[in-house]
Amino acid sequence: MSDPEPSSEGCGLGGTGLEAEADGEPPQEGPWNSPCCGGQQKMEKEAEAPPAAKQPRLDEGVGLDLDFSTTVTEAALDVGGSQDIVLITDKVLSHPEDNGKTAGESEKGEEKESFQNGGENKETMGQTEGGEDKTGDELENTSPEGTACQYLGLDFGQNPQMLTGSWAEYTHCPENYLKGCKWAPDGSCIVSNSADNVLRVYNLPPELYSGSWDLLSEMSPVLRMTEGDTIYDYCWFPKMSSLGPDTCFIASSSRDNPVHIWDAFYGDLRATFRPYNHLDELTAAHSLCFSPDGSQLYCGFEKTVRVFYTERPGRDCEERPTVVKKHGQSGIISCLAFSPSQAVYVCGSYSRTVGLYSCEDGSLLALLPQRHHGGVTHLLFSPDGYHLYTGGRKDPEILCWDLRDPGRVLFSLPRTINTNQRIYFDLDPSGRYLVSGDTEGMMSVWDTLTAPPDGNEAVLQPFLQFQAHRDCTNGISIHPFMPLVASCSGQRQFPWPTESDGDGSESEEDRVISSNGIREDNALVLWWAGPLGSSSEDQQTKERLLLTVEKLLVQFSFQHSIASNSNRSCI
C-alpha cells in the first residue's frame, strides 16, 4: 500500500473554545493494510474518472445505494432469551421470569445467569457443562458476514501489554489532544478524533497479520478527513464491511456545519444531511447514532432528535421533540444509543437526564431520575439489553441501570473525572468487562459478574488498574473480536507559571505544566489484552488468532481485486 497521504489541513484550534461549565451547554473543546478504511488513498489529480468501487458525492435527492439485509454486523452473542423482553403499558422494561433479579444473581440449584454476560449461564466465563474452557472462542459471528471470525476473549489476569501506537502524528500542532477513538464494526481499522478537527483512520498494523509482533512500528494514519470546526460527534455505519465499499463510511458532526458522510475507503465527502431550525438556519447536531439496521441516522439537538433516512441525504427529516407541553427531557441531547434487544433508543442530555424512547414513533417510555453530577456524555447498553451504563462530565462514577425496573441503579463504578471532557468507556462483546479511562491517565477494568446480587446500589471497585497514559485517558474502544483495546489520551492544558531561580535557565518545556501537574501526552495506543506466555492453552489462543487473521486476509485479497478493477492500488 502506498505511504499515508501527507496532511494538508491546518491545525486550527482557534474555534475550539473552552469547555462549557453550564449543564445546558455542550463542551466547546476548543505489508498488508485493511483496505476498507484508508486502504485507498486519495490519488493525484491525474486520476480523472472515479473508480467503480467509489461512491460519487451526492446531491439532495440522490440516495446511497445500500443493501440493509446483506452486510449487517451480526450480534456477537446469544442473548439468552432477551427477545422476550416487552414494553408494557406502564412503560417498564421487564422479563416475565427474571423480574427482580440483579446482575450476578443466581437461583439455588440452578446455573448462574448473568445479564451482563450476553446469556452465558456459568459463574465463570467460558466454562461449558463438561467443564471445558471455551475462553470466548464459541462467541462467533462477531464480525460482518463473510469473515466468520471468532471472538477470542479478553484476559485481564495481568496488565495489558502495549503493542504500538501513534504519537508523532499529534505533535504537529500545539495542544492537539485526542478526543476519542472507535473501532470499525468489522475490526479492520480504527478512527480517532483530535483537537485539530481531523478524523484519522488507521489500519491494523501489518505486523499483526504476519505474526511478527516484535517488529511493530509506530502507526500512521491512512486517511485524514478534516472538518471545518470542533467535532461534536462521529460514528461508523453499523453494517460497515470491507467486502462492501459502499458500506464503508463515517458520519460526523461539527460546529456550524451539516452532518457529513465521509467515504472511509477514499476519504472523500460522500453526502451531507442538513438539519435546519425553526428559523430555517443550519444547525449542528451534538450527537449521532445510526439505527441498528443502518437505515436511519439519529441526530441530537436541544430538546429534539431529528431522524434522517440514510438512503436520502438532504434536509428532509423527521423531528421528534423530547419536551412536549413542558414535560419531558430538556437540554441538549448529548449522546444516543440503541437497545440490542428492543425497538428502544436512549438519549442522554446535558441537563443530567436519561430518557428511553420508542423507535417507532419517538414517544417517551421512561425518564430516569437525575443521578449524575454533570451532563451525561456517554451511554452504553449491555449486550442482552437488560442494563444501561451511563457516565457524565465531572462525575466520579458510571451508573448501571436496571431497565427491567427503570429508575433503579444496580451498582456504580467509581472513576476520577475532573473536567468537562467526554470520557468514553466500553464493554467487551460478552458484556462481562467494562473498561474506562480517567483524567489521571489510569485505565480501569471492572468485572460486572462480581456485582453484589442484591443490587442495592453498591460501589463496584475495579479489579485491575494501571497507568495507561501520563495525561487524561479519554477514549477506550474494545476490538469486536480480537483481544485488543485501543486507548487515546490528552486534554486541554492550562499552563501555570512556576517558580524560577531568576537565572533564565528554565526551559520552555519545564515552564509549561498543566494545572494538575500532568505533562502533555497526546497519543493513540493499542494494547494486547489476550493470554501471554507459552502454555498450550495460550498457544491454542494464538493459533485461533492467526486463523482469524488468515480469514481477514482472504477478505482483504477479495477487496484488492475490486480496487484493481478500478485501476487503483489497494496494497
Protein backbone atom coordinates (compact mmCIF):
# COMPACT_ATOMS: atom_id res chain seq x y z
CA MET A 1 0.00 0.00 0.00
CA SER A 2 1.20 3.46 -0.72
CA ASP A 3 2.52 5.67 2.03
CA PRO A 4 -0.03 7.62 4.02
CA GLU A 5 -1.12 10.84 2.42
CA PRO A 6 0.60 13.89 3.87
CA SER A 7 -1.65 16.04 5.94
CA SER A 8 -2.58 19.27 4.20
CA GLU A 9 -5.06 20.56 6.69
CA GLY A 10 -4.29 23.40 9.01
CA CYS A 11 -4.16 22.95 12.72
CA GLY A 12 -6.93 25.34 13.55
CA LEU A 13 -7.56 25.44 17.24
CA GLY A 14 -8.96 28.91 17.29
CA GLY A 15 -12.52 27.71 17.02
CA THR A 16 -12.38 25.13 19.77
CA GLY A 17 -13.04 27.42 22.71
CA LEU A 18 -13.15 26.46 26.34
CA GLU A 19 -15.32 23.72 27.69
CA ALA A 20 -18.67 24.93 28.92
CA GLU A 21 -19.43 24.64 32.59
CA ALA A 22 -23.22 25.01 32.49
CA ASP A 23 -25.25 21.82 32.27
CA GLY A 24 -27.42 23.10 29.45
CA GLU A 25 -24.47 23.79 27.15
CA PRO A 26 -22.19 21.38 25.28
CA PRO A 27 -18.47 21.29 25.97
CA GLN A 28 -16.71 23.52 23.43
CA GLU A 29 -13.33 21.91 23.20
CA GLY A 30 -11.92 24.29 21.59
CA PRO A 31 2.91 -5.29 4.47
CA TRP A 32 -0.93 -5.63 4.42
CA ASN A 33 -3.34 -2.99 5.35
CA SER A 34 -7.05 -3.40 5.72
CA PRO A 35 -8.48 -1.98 2.51
CA CYS A 36 -11.78 -0.75 3.80
CA CYS A 37 -10.62 2.23 5.75
CA GLY A 38 -7.87 4.15 4.21
CA GLY A 39 -6.68 1.19 2.22
CA GLN A 40 -7.32 3.58 -0.66
CA GLN A 41 -5.58 6.95 -0.53
CA LYS A 42 -6.85 9.91 -2.44
CA MET A 43 -4.77 9.86 -5.61
CA GLU A 44 -3.23 12.73 -7.52
CA LYS A 45 -5.29 14.78 -9.91
CA GLU A 46 -4.30 12.61 -12.87
CA ALA A 47 -6.98 10.11 -11.82
CA GLU A 48 -9.77 11.54 -13.90
CA ALA A 49 -12.72 9.18 -13.55
CA PRO A 50 -13.94 7.82 -10.21
CA PRO A 51 -13.41 4.05 -9.81
CA ALA A 52 -16.33 1.69 -9.81
CA ALA A 53 -15.96 0.95 -6.11
CA LYS A 54 -16.09 4.61 -5.16
CA GLN A 55 -19.33 6.42 -4.44
CA PRO A 56 -19.70 9.85 -6.08
CA ARG A 57 -20.63 12.81 -3.96
CA LEU A 58 -24.36 13.05 -3.61
CA ASP A 59 -26.62 15.99 -4.04
CA GLU A 60 -30.01 16.32 -2.42
CA GLY A 61 -32.36 13.65 -3.67
CA VAL A 62 -29.57 11.26 -4.69
CA GLY A 63 -29.56 8.22 -2.45
CA LEU A 64 -26.91 5.97 -1.03
CA ASP A 65 -27.21 2.57 -2.70
CA LEU A 66 -27.17 0.34 0.35
CA ASP A 67 -28.44 -3.17 0.95
CA PHE A 68 -29.63 -3.31 4.55
CA SER A 69 -30.08 -7.08 4.54
CA THR A 70 -26.72 -8.46 3.44
CA THR A 71 -23.84 -6.69 5.14
CA VAL A 72 -25.08 -6.33 8.66
CA THR A 73 -22.67 -6.79 11.55
CA GLU A 74 -24.37 -9.61 13.38
CA ALA A 75 -24.76 -9.56 17.16
CA ALA A 76 -21.81 -11.20 18.84
CA LEU A 77 -23.76 -13.13 21.41
CA ASP A 78 -26.71 -15.36 22.14
CA VAL A 79 -28.69 -13.07 24.39
CA GLY A 80 -30.29 -15.92 26.21
CA GLY A 81 -33.91 -15.18 25.55
CA SER A 82 -33.73 -11.43 25.77
CA GLN A 83 -36.16 -11.23 22.87
CA ASP A 84 -38.85 -11.96 25.43
CA ILE A 85 -38.42 -8.51 26.98
CA VAL A 86 -41.52 -6.46 26.31
CA LEU A 87 -42.54 -2.87 26.76
CA ILE A 88 -45.58 -2.94 28.98
CA THR A 89 -48.23 -0.27 29.34
CA ASP A 90 -46.68 1.42 32.38
CA LYS A 91 -43.50 1.97 30.37
CA VAL A 92 -41.28 -0.55 32.16
CA LEU A 93 -38.84 -2.92 30.51
CA SER A 94 -39.36 -6.31 32.06
CA HIS A 95 -38.84 -10.00 31.58
CA PRO A 96 -41.63 -12.38 32.60
CA GLU A 97 -39.36 -14.73 34.54
CA ASP A 98 -36.47 -12.53 35.64
CA ASN A 99 -38.24 -9.61 37.26
CA GLY A 100 -36.41 -8.61 40.42
CA LYS A 101 -33.10 -10.29 39.65
CA THR A 102 -29.93 -8.28 39.53
CA ALA A 103 -26.60 -8.63 37.83
CA GLY A 104 -24.77 -11.70 39.08
CA GLU A 105 -27.79 -13.16 40.92
CA SER A 106 -28.29 -16.94 40.83
CA GLU A 107 -31.04 -19.34 41.83
CA LYS A 108 -30.49 -22.21 44.24
CA GLY A 109 -29.60 -25.44 42.49
CA GLU A 110 -29.65 -23.73 39.11
CA GLU A 111 -26.97 -22.44 36.81
CA LYS A 112 -25.93 -18.86 37.40
CA GLU A 113 -27.43 -16.40 34.97
CA SER A 114 -25.57 -13.19 34.24
CA PHE A 115 -27.43 -10.46 32.41
CA GLN A 116 -24.26 -8.60 31.65
CA ASN A 117 -22.76 -11.67 30.09
CA GLY A 118 -24.91 -11.87 26.99
CA GLY A 119 -26.61 -15.05 28.04
CA GLU A 120 -23.65 -17.02 29.35
CA ASN A 121 -25.04 -19.32 32.01
CA LYS A 122 -21.98 -20.11 34.05
CA GLU A 123 -20.46 -18.48 37.06
CA THR A 124 -17.12 -18.30 35.32
CA MET A 125 -16.82 -17.07 31.74
CA GLY A 126 -16.01 -19.67 29.14
CA GLN A 127 -16.97 -22.82 31.09
CA THR A 128 -19.13 -25.41 29.37
CA GLU A 129 -21.25 -28.05 31.06
CA GLY A 130 -18.50 -30.58 30.56
CA GLY A 131 -16.00 -28.33 32.26
CA GLU A 132 -14.18 -27.46 29.05
CA ASP A 133 -12.78 -23.96 28.83
CA LYS A 134 -14.11 -22.12 25.82
CA THR A 135 -12.14 -18.90 26.55
CA GLY A 136 -14.56 -16.98 24.40
CA ASP A 137 -13.93 -18.87 21.16
CA GLU A 138 -17.53 -20.03 20.96
CA LEU A 139 -18.74 -16.48 20.63
CA GLU A 140 -18.70 -16.36 16.88
CA ASN A 141 -20.11 -14.09 14.18
CA THR A 142 -18.80 -11.00 15.88
CA SER A 143 -17.55 -9.63 12.59
CA PRO A 144 -19.60 -8.87 9.49
CA GLU A 145 -20.83 -11.62 7.28
CA GLY A 146 -18.16 -13.15 5.13
CA THR A 147 -15.36 -13.12 7.68
CA ALA A 148 -16.80 -15.67 10.14
CA CYS A 149 -14.28 -14.61 12.75
CA GLN A 150 -14.30 -15.94 16.29
CA TYR A 151 -14.33 -13.81 19.40
CA LEU A 152 -11.07 -14.68 21.13
CA GLY A 153 -11.94 -13.25 24.53
CA LEU A 154 -10.13 -10.86 26.85
CA ASP A 155 -7.76 -11.90 29.60
CA PHE A 156 -7.24 -9.30 32.31
CA GLY A 157 -5.30 -11.61 34.60
CA GLN A 158 -2.44 -9.13 34.23
CA ASN A 159 -1.93 -5.66 32.83
CA PRO A 160 -2.48 -5.38 29.06
CA GLN A 161 0.72 -5.10 27.04
CA MET A 162 1.33 -2.12 24.79
CA LEU A 163 1.70 -3.20 21.15
CA THR A 164 2.07 0.04 19.22
CA GLY A 165 0.54 3.46 18.86
CA SER A 166 0.61 6.84 17.17
CA TRP A 167 2.45 9.71 18.85
CA ALA A 168 4.25 11.79 16.21
CA GLU A 169 1.03 12.38 14.28
CA TYR A 170 -0.30 14.61 17.04
CA THR A 171 2.83 16.70 17.60
CA HIS A 172 2.50 18.94 14.53
CA CYS A 173 0.09 21.29 16.29
CA PRO A 174 0.19 22.67 19.82
CA GLU A 175 -2.31 21.11 22.20
CA ASN A 176 -3.50 18.63 19.61
CA TYR A 177 -5.04 16.29 22.16
CA LEU A 178 -7.25 13.37 21.20
CA LYS A 179 -10.96 13.20 21.94
CA GLY A 180 -11.88 9.55 21.46
CA CYS A 181 -11.36 6.57 19.17
CA LYS A 182 -13.70 3.93 17.75
CA TRP A 183 -13.04 0.58 16.09
CA ALA A 184 -14.81 -0.13 12.82
CA PRO A 185 -17.62 -2.70 13.12
CA ASP A 186 -15.60 -5.25 11.15
CA GLY A 187 -12.47 -4.59 13.22
CA SER A 188 -10.24 -3.78 10.26
CA CYS A 189 -9.41 -0.20 11.23
CA ILE A 190 -9.93 2.48 13.85
CA VAL A 191 -10.83 6.17 13.64
CA SER A 192 -9.62 8.86 16.05
CA ASN A 193 -10.81 12.39 16.75
CA SER A 194 -8.47 15.18 17.83
CA ALA A 195 -8.46 18.88 18.67
CA ASP A 196 -7.27 19.90 15.19
CA ASN A 197 -10.73 18.84 13.90
CA VAL A 198 -9.37 15.93 11.86
CA LEU A 199 -10.72 12.39 11.79
CA ARG A 200 -7.83 9.98 11.22
CA VAL A 201 -8.26 6.38 10.10
CA TYR A 202 -5.63 3.78 10.98
CA ASN A 203 -5.39 0.25 9.67
CA LEU A 204 -4.42 -2.62 11.90
CA PRO A 205 -0.59 -2.82 11.87
CA PRO A 206 0.68 -5.10 9.07
CA GLU A 207 2.87 -6.99 11.55
CA LEU A 208 -0.25 -8.36 13.23
CA TYR A 209 -1.11 -10.16 10.01
CA SER A 210 2.31 -11.79 9.68
CA GLY A 211 2.74 -12.65 13.35
CA SER A 212 5.92 -10.55 13.61
CA TRP A 213 4.76 -8.64 16.65
CA ASP A 214 8.32 -7.87 17.75
CA LEU A 215 8.69 -5.74 14.61
CA LEU A 216 5.74 -3.47 15.29
CA SER A 217 6.44 0.15 14.39
CA GLU A 218 4.57 3.36 15.10
CA MET A 219 1.21 3.62 13.38
CA SER A 220 0.47 6.24 10.74
CA PRO A 221 -2.98 7.23 9.51
CA VAL A 222 -4.01 6.18 6.03
CA LEU A 223 -6.83 8.72 5.80
CA ARG A 224 -7.35 12.21 7.17
CA MET A 225 -10.79 13.81 6.97
CA THR A 226 -10.83 17.47 8.00
CA GLU A 227 -13.90 19.14 9.48
CA GLY A 228 -14.36 22.90 9.47
CA ASP A 229 -14.74 23.34 13.22
CA THR A 230 -14.93 21.49 16.54
CA ILE A 231 -16.15 17.93 16.00
CA TYR A 232 -19.11 17.18 18.26
CA ASP A 233 -19.62 13.51 17.45
CA TYR A 234 -18.85 10.80 14.90
CA CYS A 235 -19.87 7.18 14.32
CA TRP A 236 -19.34 4.27 11.96
CA PHE A 237 -22.05 2.87 9.73
CA PRO A 238 -23.11 -0.24 11.75
CA LYS A 239 -23.10 -2.56 8.72
CA MET A 240 -19.69 -1.47 7.58
CA SER A 241 -17.79 -4.33 5.96
CA SER A 242 -14.59 -4.42 3.94
CA LEU A 243 -16.36 -6.69 1.47
CA GLY A 244 -18.67 -3.84 0.52
CA PRO A 245 -17.01 -0.49 -0.24
CA ASP A 246 -20.45 1.12 -0.35
CA THR A 247 -20.85 0.43 3.37
CA CYS A 248 -17.50 1.94 4.39
CA PHE A 249 -18.42 5.37 5.66
CA ILE A 250 -18.36 7.52 8.78
CA ALA A 251 -20.87 10.15 9.90
CA SER A 252 -19.55 13.23 11.69
CA SER A 253 -20.97 16.45 13.05
CA SER A 254 -19.12 19.67 13.76
CA ARG A 255 -19.98 23.17 14.93
CA ASP A 256 -21.88 25.29 12.38
CA ASN A 257 -21.76 22.51 9.80
CA PRO A 258 -24.20 19.89 8.50
CA VAL A 259 -23.75 16.21 9.19
CA HIS A 260 -21.08 14.87 6.85
CA ILE A 261 -20.84 11.34 5.47
CA TRP A 262 -17.19 10.51 4.81
CA ASP A 263 -16.07 7.75 2.49
CA ALA A 264 -13.83 5.62 4.71
CA PHE A 265 -12.41 3.95 1.61
CA TYR A 266 -11.02 7.07 -0.07
CA GLY A 267 -11.54 9.89 2.44
CA ASP A 268 -13.89 11.91 0.25
CA LEU A 269 -17.10 13.59 1.32
CA ARG A 270 -19.88 11.32 0.10
CA ALA A 271 -23.06 13.09 1.24
CA THR A 272 -24.49 15.58 3.73
CA PHE A 273 -27.54 15.71 5.97
CA ARG A 274 -28.61 19.30 6.59
CA PRO A 275 -30.70 20.00 9.69
CA TYR A 276 -32.44 23.37 9.97
CA ASN A 277 -34.03 25.02 12.98
CA HIS A 278 -37.35 26.85 13.21
CA LEU A 279 -35.72 29.98 11.72
CA ASP A 280 -34.56 27.97 8.69
CA GLU A 281 -30.97 28.29 9.85
CA LEU A 282 -28.48 25.46 9.55
CA THR A 283 -27.84 23.95 12.96
CA ALA A 284 -25.25 21.40 14.04
CA ALA A 285 -26.05 18.04 15.62
CA HIS A 286 -24.44 17.45 19.01
CA SER A 287 -24.73 13.66 18.87
CA LEU A 288 -25.05 10.99 16.18
CA CYS A 289 -26.07 7.35 16.09
CA PHE A 290 -27.19 5.05 13.29
CA SER A 291 -30.11 2.73 13.88
CA PRO A 292 -29.01 -0.92 14.27
CA ASP A 293 -30.05 -1.77 10.70
CA GLY A 294 -28.31 1.32 9.34
CA SER A 295 -31.39 2.67 7.61
CA GLN A 296 -31.70 5.79 9.78
CA LEU A 297 -29.37 8.35 11.30
CA TYR A 298 -30.48 9.83 14.63
CA CYS A 299 -29.13 13.29 15.48
CA GLY A 300 -29.38 15.00 18.86
CA PHE A 301 -30.22 18.69 19.26
CA GLU A 302 -31.60 20.88 22.01
CA LYS A 303 -34.87 19.27 23.16
CA THR A 304 -35.12 17.48 19.81
CA VAL A 305 -33.98 14.37 17.98
CA ARG A 306 -34.03 14.53 14.19
CA VAL A 307 -34.14 11.30 12.20
CA PHE A 308 -32.70 11.18 8.68
CA TYR A 309 -33.01 8.28 6.28
CA THR A 310 -29.59 7.05 5.24
CA GLU A 311 -30.62 6.47 1.64
CA ARG A 312 -31.95 10.01 1.28
CA PRO A 313 -29.36 12.72 2.03
CA GLY A 314 -30.52 16.31 2.18
CA ARG A 315 -32.68 18.26 4.59
CA ASP A 316 -35.75 16.02 4.81
CA CYS A 317 -36.03 14.50 8.26
CA GLU A 318 -38.45 13.53 11.00
CA GLU A 319 -38.44 15.71 14.10
CA ARG A 320 -39.01 14.10 17.48
CA PRO A 321 -39.21 16.62 20.31
CA THR A 322 -38.09 15.40 23.71
CA VAL A 323 -40.16 18.04 25.51
CA VAL A 324 -43.90 18.09 24.89
CA LYS A 325 -46.13 20.61 26.70
CA LYS A 326 -43.28 21.48 29.05
CA HIS A 327 -42.87 17.85 30.08
CA GLY A 328 -40.07 15.51 29.07
CA GLN A 329 -36.31 15.61 28.67
CA SER A 330 -34.85 19.09 28.46
CA GLY A 331 -31.38 20.25 27.48
CA ILE A 332 -29.13 19.35 24.56
CA ILE A 333 -29.18 15.68 23.58
CA SER A 334 -25.52 14.86 24.06
CA CYS A 335 -25.43 11.11 23.34
CA LEU A 336 -27.58 8.36 21.83
CA ALA A 337 -27.63 4.56 21.95
CA PHE A 338 -29.91 1.74 20.74
CA SER A 339 -31.04 -1.29 22.66
CA PRO A 340 -29.74 -4.56 21.15
CA SER A 341 -32.92 -6.43 22.08
CA GLN A 342 -35.80 -3.96 21.80
CA ALA A 343 -37.02 -1.22 19.46
CA VAL A 344 -35.88 1.33 22.01
CA TYR A 345 -33.28 4.07 21.94
CA VAL A 346 -31.95 6.11 24.82
CA CYS A 347 -30.91 9.75 24.93
CA GLY A 348 -28.53 11.42 27.36
CA SER A 349 -28.74 15.15 27.96
CA TYR A 350 -26.50 17.89 29.30
CA SER A 351 -29.35 18.55 31.74
CA ARG A 352 -28.20 15.35 33.55
CA THR A 353 -31.22 13.29 32.44
CA VAL A 354 -31.56 9.99 30.56
CA GLY A 355 -34.70 9.15 28.58
CA LEU A 356 -35.90 5.95 26.90
CA TYR A 357 -37.88 6.34 23.68
CA SER A 358 -39.75 4.15 21.23
CA CYS A 359 -38.06 3.73 17.86
CA GLU A 360 -41.46 3.53 16.18
CA ASP A 361 -42.77 6.99 16.97
CA GLY A 362 -40.25 8.58 19.34
CA SER A 363 -42.63 8.59 22.28
CA LEU A 364 -41.09 8.83 25.75
CA LEU A 365 -41.21 5.49 27.56
CA ALA A 366 -39.33 6.36 30.74
CA LEU A 367 -37.33 9.26 32.14
CA LEU A 368 -34.65 8.13 34.56
CA PRO A 369 -34.01 10.25 37.65
CA GLN A 370 -31.19 12.79 37.76
CA ARG A 371 -28.40 10.85 39.44
CA HIS A 372 -25.39 12.31 37.65
CA HIS A 373 -23.48 15.31 38.93
CA GLY A 374 -22.86 16.66 35.43
CA GLY A 375 -24.27 16.38 31.93
CA VAL A 376 -24.49 12.83 30.56
CA THR A 377 -21.77 12.31 27.94
CA HIS A 378 -21.78 8.58 27.18
CA LEU A 379 -24.32 5.73 27.11
CA LEU A 380 -23.86 2.02 26.62
CA PHE A 381 -26.27 -0.94 26.65
CA SER A 382 -25.25 -4.36 27.89
CA PRO A 383 -25.31 -6.97 25.08
CA ASP A 384 -28.55 -8.50 26.40
CA GLY A 385 -30.29 -5.13 26.69
CA TYR A 386 -31.17 -5.55 30.38
CA HIS A 387 -28.75 -2.91 31.66
CA LEU A 388 -27.72 0.57 30.70
CA TYR A 389 -24.40 2.19 31.67
CA THR A 390 -24.23 5.98 31.81
CA GLY A 391 -21.42 8.41 32.56
CA GLY A 392 -21.26 12.19 32.87
CA ARG A 393 -18.78 15.03 32.85
CA LYS A 394 -17.18 15.99 36.15
CA ASP A 395 -18.93 12.94 37.52
CA PRO A 396 -16.99 10.43 39.67
CA GLU A 397 -19.00 7.33 38.76
CA ILE A 398 -20.54 5.25 35.99
CA LEU A 399 -24.06 4.09 36.84
CA CYS A 400 -25.57 0.72 35.90
CA TRP A 401 -29.35 0.99 35.49
CA ASP A 402 -31.72 -1.98 35.57
CA LEU A 403 -34.04 -1.45 32.59
CA ARG A 404 -36.43 -4.12 33.86
CA ASP A 405 -37.16 -1.65 36.64
CA PRO A 406 -36.38 1.80 35.17
CA GLY A 407 -35.07 4.20 37.76
CA ARG A 408 -33.28 1.54 39.76
CA VAL A 409 -29.48 1.71 39.95
CA LEU A 410 -27.87 -1.70 40.44
CA PHE A 411 -24.34 -0.51 41.16
CA SER A 412 -21.89 2.27 40.40
CA LEU A 413 -18.35 2.16 39.05
CA PRO A 414 -16.02 4.83 40.51
CA ARG A 415 -13.59 6.75 38.32
CA THR A 416 -11.80 10.09 38.52
CA ILE A 417 -13.30 12.73 36.21
CA ASN A 418 -12.28 16.32 36.93
CA THR A 419 -13.09 18.07 33.65
CA ASN A 420 -15.99 18.57 31.24
CA GLN A 421 -14.28 16.39 28.66
CA ARG A 422 -16.17 13.39 27.33
CA ILE A 423 -14.56 10.28 28.82
CA TYR A 424 -15.57 7.14 26.93
CA PHE A 425 -15.94 3.63 28.33
CA ASP A 426 -16.63 0.34 26.59
CA LEU A 427 -17.89 -3.19 27.23
CA ASP A 428 -16.34 -6.31 25.77
CA PRO A 429 -18.61 -8.34 23.42
CA SER A 430 -19.56 -10.73 26.24
CA GLY A 431 -20.67 -7.85 28.47
CA ARG A 432 -18.51 -9.04 31.34
CA TYR A 433 -15.69 -6.49 31.38
CA LEU A 434 -16.20 -2.75 31.38
CA VAL A 435 -13.11 -0.62 30.65
CA SER A 436 -12.76 3.11 31.21
CA GLY A 437 -10.08 5.75 31.46
CA ASP A 438 -9.98 8.81 33.70
CA THR A 439 -8.40 12.24 33.92
CA GLU A 440 -5.38 10.85 35.80
CA GLY A 441 -4.38 8.65 32.85
CA MET A 442 -5.44 5.40 34.52
CA MET A 443 -7.20 2.56 32.71
CA SER A 444 -9.64 0.69 34.95
CA VAL A 445 -11.30 -2.68 34.34
CA TRP A 446 -14.42 -3.87 36.19
CA ASP A 447 -15.79 -7.41 36.23
CA THR A 448 -19.56 -6.91 36.22
CA LEU A 449 -20.10 -10.55 37.24
CA THR A 450 -18.80 -9.66 40.69
CA ALA A 451 -21.58 -7.14 41.31
CA PRO A 452 -23.48 -7.75 44.58
CA PRO A 453 -26.54 -9.95 43.99
CA ASP A 454 -28.89 -7.70 45.94
CA GLY A 455 -28.34 -4.81 43.52
CA ASN A 456 -28.50 -2.29 46.35
CA GLU A 457 -26.58 0.47 44.58
CA ALA A 458 -23.26 -0.91 45.79
CA VAL A 459 -19.96 0.56 44.64
CA LEU A 460 -18.12 -1.94 42.46
CA GLN A 461 -14.37 -1.36 42.63
CA PRO A 462 -12.17 -2.11 39.60
CA PHE A 463 -10.25 -5.37 39.84
CA LEU A 464 -7.49 -4.06 37.55
CA GLN A 465 -5.99 -0.59 37.28
CA PHE A 466 -2.81 0.58 35.61
CA GLN A 467 -1.24 3.79 34.30
CA ALA A 468 -2.01 3.77 30.58
CA HIS A 469 -1.04 7.38 29.79
CA ARG A 470 0.64 10.30 31.50
CA ASP A 471 -2.32 12.51 30.66
CA CYS A 472 -6.09 12.08 30.62
CA THR A 473 -7.19 8.74 29.12
CA ASN A 474 -10.34 9.93 27.37
CA GLY A 475 -11.01 7.23 24.80
CA ILE A 476 -11.46 3.46 25.17
CA SER A 477 -12.56 1.11 22.41
CA ILE A 478 -12.51 -2.72 22.53
CA HIS A 479 -11.95 -4.63 19.30
CA PRO A 480 -15.04 -6.52 18.05
CA PHE A 481 -13.43 -9.96 18.08
CA MET A 482 -9.70 -9.72 18.86
CA PRO A 483 -8.26 -9.19 22.37
CA LEU A 484 -7.19 -5.65 21.54
CA VAL A 485 -8.02 -2.47 23.45
CA ALA A 486 -7.43 0.95 21.92
CA SER A 487 -6.96 3.99 24.14
CA CYS A 488 -6.28 7.63 23.43
CA SER A 489 -5.18 10.48 25.63
CA GLY A 490 -4.84 14.21 26.06
CA GLN A 491 -6.74 17.19 27.37
CA ARG A 492 -6.65 20.94 27.20
CA GLN A 493 -3.70 22.20 29.17
CA PHE A 494 -3.80 25.36 31.26
CA PRO A 495 -0.18 26.41 31.90
CA TRP A 496 0.68 27.94 35.24
CA PRO A 497 3.83 29.98 35.92
CA THR A 498 6.33 28.15 38.07
CA GLU A 499 8.87 29.48 40.48
CA SER A 500 12.17 30.28 38.82
CA ASP A 501 15.57 30.90 40.27
CA GLY A 502 15.88 34.00 38.07
CA ASP A 503 18.86 32.84 36.03
CA GLY A 504 16.71 32.18 32.97
CA SER A 505 17.95 28.60 32.69
CA GLU A 506 14.47 27.08 32.90
CA SER A 507 13.38 25.61 29.58
CA GLU A 508 10.05 26.28 27.92
CA GLU A 509 9.10 22.62 28.36
CA ASP A 510 9.62 22.85 32.10
CA ARG A 511 7.54 26.00 32.36
CA VAL A 512 4.52 24.60 30.50
CA ILE A 513 2.92 22.36 33.09
CA SER A 514 -0.79 21.80 33.45
CA SER A 515 -2.74 22.88 36.47
CA ASN A 516 -2.79 19.32 37.85
CA GLY A 517 0.87 18.65 37.15
CA ILE A 518 0.34 16.18 34.31
CA ARG A 519 2.60 16.61 31.31
CA GLU A 520 1.12 16.57 27.83
CA ASP A 521 0.60 13.11 26.35
CA ASN A 522 -1.40 13.03 23.11
CA ALA A 523 -1.41 9.53 21.69
CA LEU A 524 -3.42 6.63 20.29
CA VAL A 525 -2.25 3.29 21.72
CA LEU A 526 -3.14 -0.34 21.03
CA TRP A 527 -3.00 -2.80 23.93
CA TRP A 528 -2.89 -6.59 23.83
CA ALA A 529 -5.37 -7.97 26.38
CA GLY A 530 -5.11 -11.63 25.44
CA PRO A 531 -3.26 -14.51 27.05
CA LEU A 532 0.52 -14.27 27.39
CA GLY A 533 3.16 -16.94 27.74
CA SER A 534 3.92 -20.24 26.02
CA SER A 535 1.48 -22.63 27.66
CA SER A 536 -0.51 -24.98 25.47
CA GLU A 537 -3.67 -23.02 26.21
CA ASP A 538 -2.03 -19.76 25.18
CA GLN A 539 -0.63 -21.42 22.08
CA GLN A 540 -4.12 -22.52 21.09
CA THR A 541 -5.35 -18.97 21.55
CA LYS A 542 -2.56 -17.67 19.32
CA GLU A 543 -3.41 -20.27 16.69
CA ARG A 544 -7.04 -19.12 16.75
CA LEU A 545 -5.84 -15.55 16.37
CA LEU A 546 -3.70 -16.41 13.36
CA LEU A 547 -6.65 -18.31 11.87
CA THR A 548 -8.80 -15.22 12.34
CA VAL A 549 -6.15 -13.07 10.69
CA GLU A 550 -5.95 -15.55 7.80
CA LYS A 551 -9.68 -15.15 7.23
CA LEU A 552 -9.24 -11.40 7.24
CA LEU A 553 -6.51 -11.70 4.63
CA VAL A 554 -8.85 -13.65 2.37
CA GLN A 555 -11.32 -10.83 2.76
CA PHE A 556 -8.63 -8.23 2.02
CA SER A 557 -7.46 -10.11 -1.07
CA PHE A 558 -11.02 -10.03 -2.37
CA GLN A 559 -11.12 -6.30 -1.79
CA HIS A 560 -7.79 -5.92 -3.57
CA SER A 561 -9.32 -7.41 -6.70
CA ILE A 562 -12.09 -4.81 -6.51
CA ALA A 563 -9.58 -2.00 -6.32
CA SER A 564 -7.52 -3.47 -9.16
CA ASN A 565 -10.57 -3.40 -11.38
CA SER A 566 -10.82 0.32 -10.70
CA ASN A 567 -7.17 0.87 -11.74
CA ARG A 568 -6.03 1.77 -8.24
CA SER A 569 -3.55 0.08 -5.99
CA CYS A 570 -5.05 -1.41 -2.83
CA ILE A 571 -1.83 -2.53 -1.20
